[in-house]
Amino acid sequence: MLEASLSQLEKLVSDLVQHNQELQNTNARLTEELKQARDDNDSLQLSLMEQEEKQGATAARIQALVDRATSVSAVDA
């Protein structure tokens, strides 16, 4: 009986060690995926800021053209 219990305990410990290794591997993979997601997020935020900057500059140029066109129309009238 003691021998059977000891065998069961060895099997359980072996299973726990294997499960722990699997969890560590999963944790390492998820940590790497999280790092990649954060890097992607940083890149996307930077890209968004650049696009907003370009959009603001374009809007300012369009407004300047509209103002110019309006002032020319007012002078011609």
N, C-alpha and C. Protein backbone atom coordinates (compact mmCIF):
# COMPACT_ATOMS: atom_id res chain seq x y z
N MET A 1 0.83 -1.20 0.00
CA MET A 1 0.00 0.00 0.00
C MET A 1 0.87 1.26 0.00
N LEU A 2 1.89 1.26 0.82
CA LEU A 2 2.79 2.42 0.88
C LEU A 2 3.50 2.61 -0.46
N GLU A 3 3.88 1.51 -1.08
CA GLU A 3 4.54 1.59 -2.39
C GLU A 3 3.61 2.18 -3.44
N ALA A 4 2.34 1.81 -3.41
CA ALA A 4 1.34 2.33 -4.36
C ALA A 4 1.14 3.83 -4.13
N SER A 5 1.06 4.23 -2.87
CA SER A 5 0.89 5.65 -2.55
C SER A 5 2.09 6.46 -3.00
N LEU A 6 3.27 5.88 -2.78
CA LEU A 6 4.49 6.57 -3.21
C LEU A 6 4.52 6.70 -4.73
N SER A 7 4.11 5.68 -5.45
CA SER A 7 4.05 5.75 -6.92
C SER A 7 3.06 6.80 -7.38
N GLN A 8 1.92 6.84 -6.71
CA GLN A 8 0.92 7.86 -7.07
C GLN A 8 1.45 9.26 -6.81
N LEU A 9 2.13 9.43 -5.69
CA LEU A 9 2.72 10.72 -5.35
C LEU A 9 3.77 11.13 -6.37
N GLU A 10 4.62 10.20 -6.77
CA GLU A 10 5.62 10.49 -7.80
C GLU A 10 4.96 10.92 -9.10
N LYS A 11 3.88 10.22 -9.48
CA LYS A 11 3.16 10.57 -10.72
C LYS A 11 2.56 11.97 -10.60
N LEU A 12 1.93 12.25 -9.46
CA LEU A 12 1.34 13.57 -9.26
C LEU A 12 2.39 14.67 -9.31
N VAL A 13 3.51 14.45 -8.66
CA VAL A 13 4.59 15.44 -8.68
C VAL A 13 5.10 15.63 -10.11
N SER A 14 5.27 14.54 -10.81
CA SER A 14 5.72 14.61 -12.20
C SER A 14 4.72 15.40 -13.06
N ASP A 15 3.43 15.11 -12.86
CA ASP A 15 2.39 15.84 -13.60
C ASP A 15 2.40 17.33 -13.26
N LEU A 16 2.58 17.64 -11.97
CA LEU A 16 2.63 19.04 -11.55
C LEU A 16 3.85 19.76 -12.13
N VAL A 17 4.98 19.10 -12.15
CA VAL A 17 6.19 19.70 -12.73
C VAL A 17 5.97 19.96 -14.21
N GLN A 18 5.37 19.00 -14.91
CA GLN A 18 5.10 19.17 -16.33
C GLN A 18 4.11 20.31 -16.57
N HIS A 19 3.06 20.36 -15.75
CA HIS A 19 2.06 21.43 -15.89
C HIS A 19 2.69 22.79 -15.60
N ASN A 20 3.55 22.84 -14.59
CA ASN A 20 4.24 24.08 -14.26
C ASN A 20 5.10 24.56 -15.44
N GLN A 21 5.79 23.63 -16.08
CA GLN A 21 6.62 23.98 -17.24
C GLN A 21 5.76 24.52 -18.38
N GLU A 22 4.62 23.88 -18.59
CA GLU A 22 3.70 24.35 -19.64
C GLU A 22 3.20 25.76 -19.33
N LEU A 23 2.87 26.00 -18.06
CA LEU A 23 2.41 27.33 -17.65
C LEU A 23 3.52 28.38 -17.82
N GLN A 24 4.74 28.01 -17.49
CA GLN A 24 5.86 28.94 -17.67
C GLN A 24 6.06 29.27 -19.15
N ASN A 25 5.94 28.25 -20.00
CA ASN A 25 6.07 28.48 -21.44
C ASN A 25 4.96 29.39 -21.95
N THR A 26 3.74 29.13 -21.49
CA THR A 26 2.60 29.96 -21.89
C THR A 26 2.80 31.39 -21.41
N ASN A 27 3.26 31.54 -20.17
CA ASN A 27 3.52 32.86 -19.62
C ASN A 27 4.57 33.61 -20.44
N ALA A 28 5.63 32.93 -20.81
CA ALA A 28 6.69 33.55 -21.61
C ALA A 28 6.15 33.98 -22.98
N ARG A 29 5.33 33.11 -23.59
CA ARG A 29 4.75 33.44 -24.88
C ARG A 29 3.81 34.65 -24.77
N LEU A 30 2.97 34.64 -23.74
CA LEU A 30 2.05 35.76 -23.55
C LEU A 30 2.78 37.06 -23.23
N THR A 31 3.86 36.96 -22.48
CA THR A 31 4.67 38.15 -22.18
C THR A 31 5.24 38.74 -23.47
N GLU A 32 5.71 37.87 -24.35
CA GLU A 32 6.25 38.33 -25.63
C GLU A 32 5.15 38.93 -26.51
N GLU A 33 3.98 38.29 -26.51
CA GLU A 33 2.86 38.83 -27.29
C GLU A 33 2.42 40.19 -26.75
N LEU A 34 2.41 40.33 -25.43
CA LEU A 34 2.06 41.61 -24.82
C LEU A 34 3.06 42.69 -25.21
N LYS A 35 4.33 42.35 -25.19
CA LYS A 35 5.37 43.31 -25.59
C LYS A 35 5.16 43.74 -27.04
N GLN A 36 4.87 42.77 -27.91
CA GLN A 36 4.63 43.08 -29.32
C GLN A 36 3.39 43.96 -29.48
N ALA A 37 2.34 43.65 -28.73
CA ALA A 37 1.11 44.44 -28.81
C ALA A 37 1.36 45.87 -28.33
N ARG A 38 2.17 46.02 -27.29
CA ARG A 38 2.49 47.37 -26.80
C ARG A 38 3.32 48.13 -27.83
N ASP A 39 4.26 47.44 -28.45
CA ASP A 39 5.07 48.08 -29.49
C ASP A 39 4.19 48.50 -30.66
N ASP A 40 3.27 47.61 -31.06
CA ASP A 40 2.34 47.93 -32.15
C ASP A 40 1.47 49.12 -31.78
N ASN A 41 1.00 49.14 -30.54
CA ASN A 41 0.16 50.24 -30.07
C ASN A 41 0.93 51.55 -30.10
N ASP A 42 2.17 51.54 -29.65
CA ASP A 42 3.00 52.75 -29.68
C ASP A 42 3.18 53.24 -31.11
N SER A 43 3.43 52.32 -32.03
CA SER A 43 3.61 52.68 -33.44
C SER A 43 2.33 53.28 -34.01
N LEU A 44 1.20 52.66 -33.69
CA LEU A 44 -0.08 53.17 -34.19
C LEU A 44 -0.40 54.54 -33.62
N GLN A 45 -0.09 54.76 -32.34
CA GLN A 45 -0.33 56.07 -31.74
C GLN A 45 0.54 57.13 -32.39
N LEU A 46 1.79 56.79 -32.64
CA LEU A 46 2.69 57.73 -33.31
C LEU A 46 2.19 58.04 -34.71
N SER A 47 1.76 57.02 -35.42
CA SER A 47 1.23 57.20 -36.77
C SER A 47 -0.02 58.08 -36.73
N LEU A 48 -0.88 57.85 -35.76
CA LEU A 48 -2.09 58.66 -35.63
C LEU A 48 -1.74 60.12 -35.37
N MET A 49 -0.77 60.36 -34.50
CA MET A 49 -0.36 61.74 -34.22
C MET A 49 0.19 62.41 -35.48
N GLU A 50 0.97 61.66 -36.26
CA GLU A 50 1.51 62.21 -37.50
C GLU A 50 0.39 62.52 -38.49
N GLN A 51 -0.60 61.63 -38.59
CA GLN A 51 -1.72 61.86 -39.49
C GLN A 51 -2.55 63.06 -39.05
N GLU A 52 -2.75 63.20 -37.74
CA GLU A 52 -3.50 64.36 -37.22
C GLU A 52 -2.75 65.65 -37.53
N GLU A 53 -1.42 65.61 -37.42
CA GLU A 53 -0.60 66.78 -37.72
C GLU A 53 -0.75 67.15 -39.20
N LYS A 54 -0.65 66.14 -40.07
CA LYS A 54 -0.80 66.39 -41.51
C LYS A 54 -2.20 66.90 -41.83
N GLN A 55 -3.19 66.31 -41.17
CA GLN A 55 -4.58 66.74 -41.41
C GLN A 55 -4.77 68.19 -40.97
N GLY A 56 -4.18 68.55 -39.84
CA GLY A 56 -4.27 69.93 -39.37
C GLY A 56 -3.60 70.89 -40.33
N ALA A 57 -2.45 70.52 -40.86
CA ALA A 57 -1.74 71.37 -41.82
C ALA A 57 -2.55 71.49 -43.11
N THR A 58 -3.15 70.39 -43.55
CA THR A 58 -3.97 70.42 -44.76
C THR A 58 -5.19 71.30 -44.54
N ALA A 59 -5.83 71.17 -43.39
CA ALA A 59 -7.00 71.98 -43.08
C ALA A 59 -6.63 73.47 -43.07
N ALA A 60 -5.47 73.79 -42.52
CA ALA A 60 -5.03 75.19 -42.48
C ALA A 60 -4.78 75.71 -43.90
N ARG A 61 -4.18 74.88 -44.77
CA ARG A 61 -3.95 75.30 -46.16
C ARG A 61 -5.27 75.50 -46.89
N ILE A 62 -6.21 74.60 -46.68
CA ILE A 62 -7.52 74.73 -47.33
C ILE A 62 -8.22 75.99 -46.85
N GLN A 63 -8.16 76.23 -45.54
CA GLN A 63 -8.79 77.44 -45.00
C GLN A 63 -8.14 78.69 -45.57
N ALA A 64 -6.82 78.68 -45.73
CA ALA A 64 -6.13 79.84 -46.32
C ALA A 64 -6.57 80.04 -47.76
N LEU A 65 -6.73 78.96 -48.51
CA LEU A 65 -7.21 79.08 -49.89
C LEU A 65 -8.64 79.60 -49.95
N VAL A 66 -9.49 79.12 -49.05
CA VAL A 66 -10.87 79.60 -48.98
C VAL A 66 -10.89 81.09 -48.64
N ASP A 67 -10.07 81.47 -47.67
CA ASP A 67 -10.00 82.88 -47.29
C ASP A 67 -9.53 83.73 -48.46
N ARG A 68 -8.52 83.22 -49.17
CA ARG A 68 -8.02 83.95 -50.34
C ARG A 68 -9.09 84.08 -51.42
N ALA A 69 -9.77 82.98 -51.67
CA ALA A 69 -10.82 82.99 -52.69
C ALA A 69 -11.95 83.93 -52.28
N THR A 70 -12.28 83.94 -51.01
CA THR A 70 -13.34 84.82 -50.51
C THR A 70 -12.94 86.27 -50.65
N SER A 71 -11.69 86.59 -50.32
CA SER A 71 -11.23 87.97 -50.40
C SER A 71 -11.15 88.43 -51.85
N VAL A 72 -10.76 87.54 -52.77
CA VAL A 72 -10.71 87.88 -54.18
C VAL A 72 -12.12 88.11 -54.71
N SER A 73 -13.06 87.29 -54.29
CA SER A 73 -14.47 87.42 -54.71
C SER A 73 -15.03 88.73 -54.19
N ALA A 74 -14.69 89.12 -52.98
CA ALA A 74 -15.19 90.36 -52.40
C ALA A 74 -14.62 91.56 -53.14
N VAL A 75 -13.38 91.50 -53.55
CA VAL A 75 -12.74 92.60 -54.28
C VAL A 75 -13.36 92.72 -55.67
N ASP A 76 -13.62 91.59 -56.33
CA ASP A 76 -14.20 91.58 -57.67
C ASP A 76 -15.63 92.07 -57.69
N ALA A 77 -16.34 91.94 -56.58
CA ALA A 77 -17.77 92.27 -56.56
C ALA A 77 -18.03 93.73 -56.47
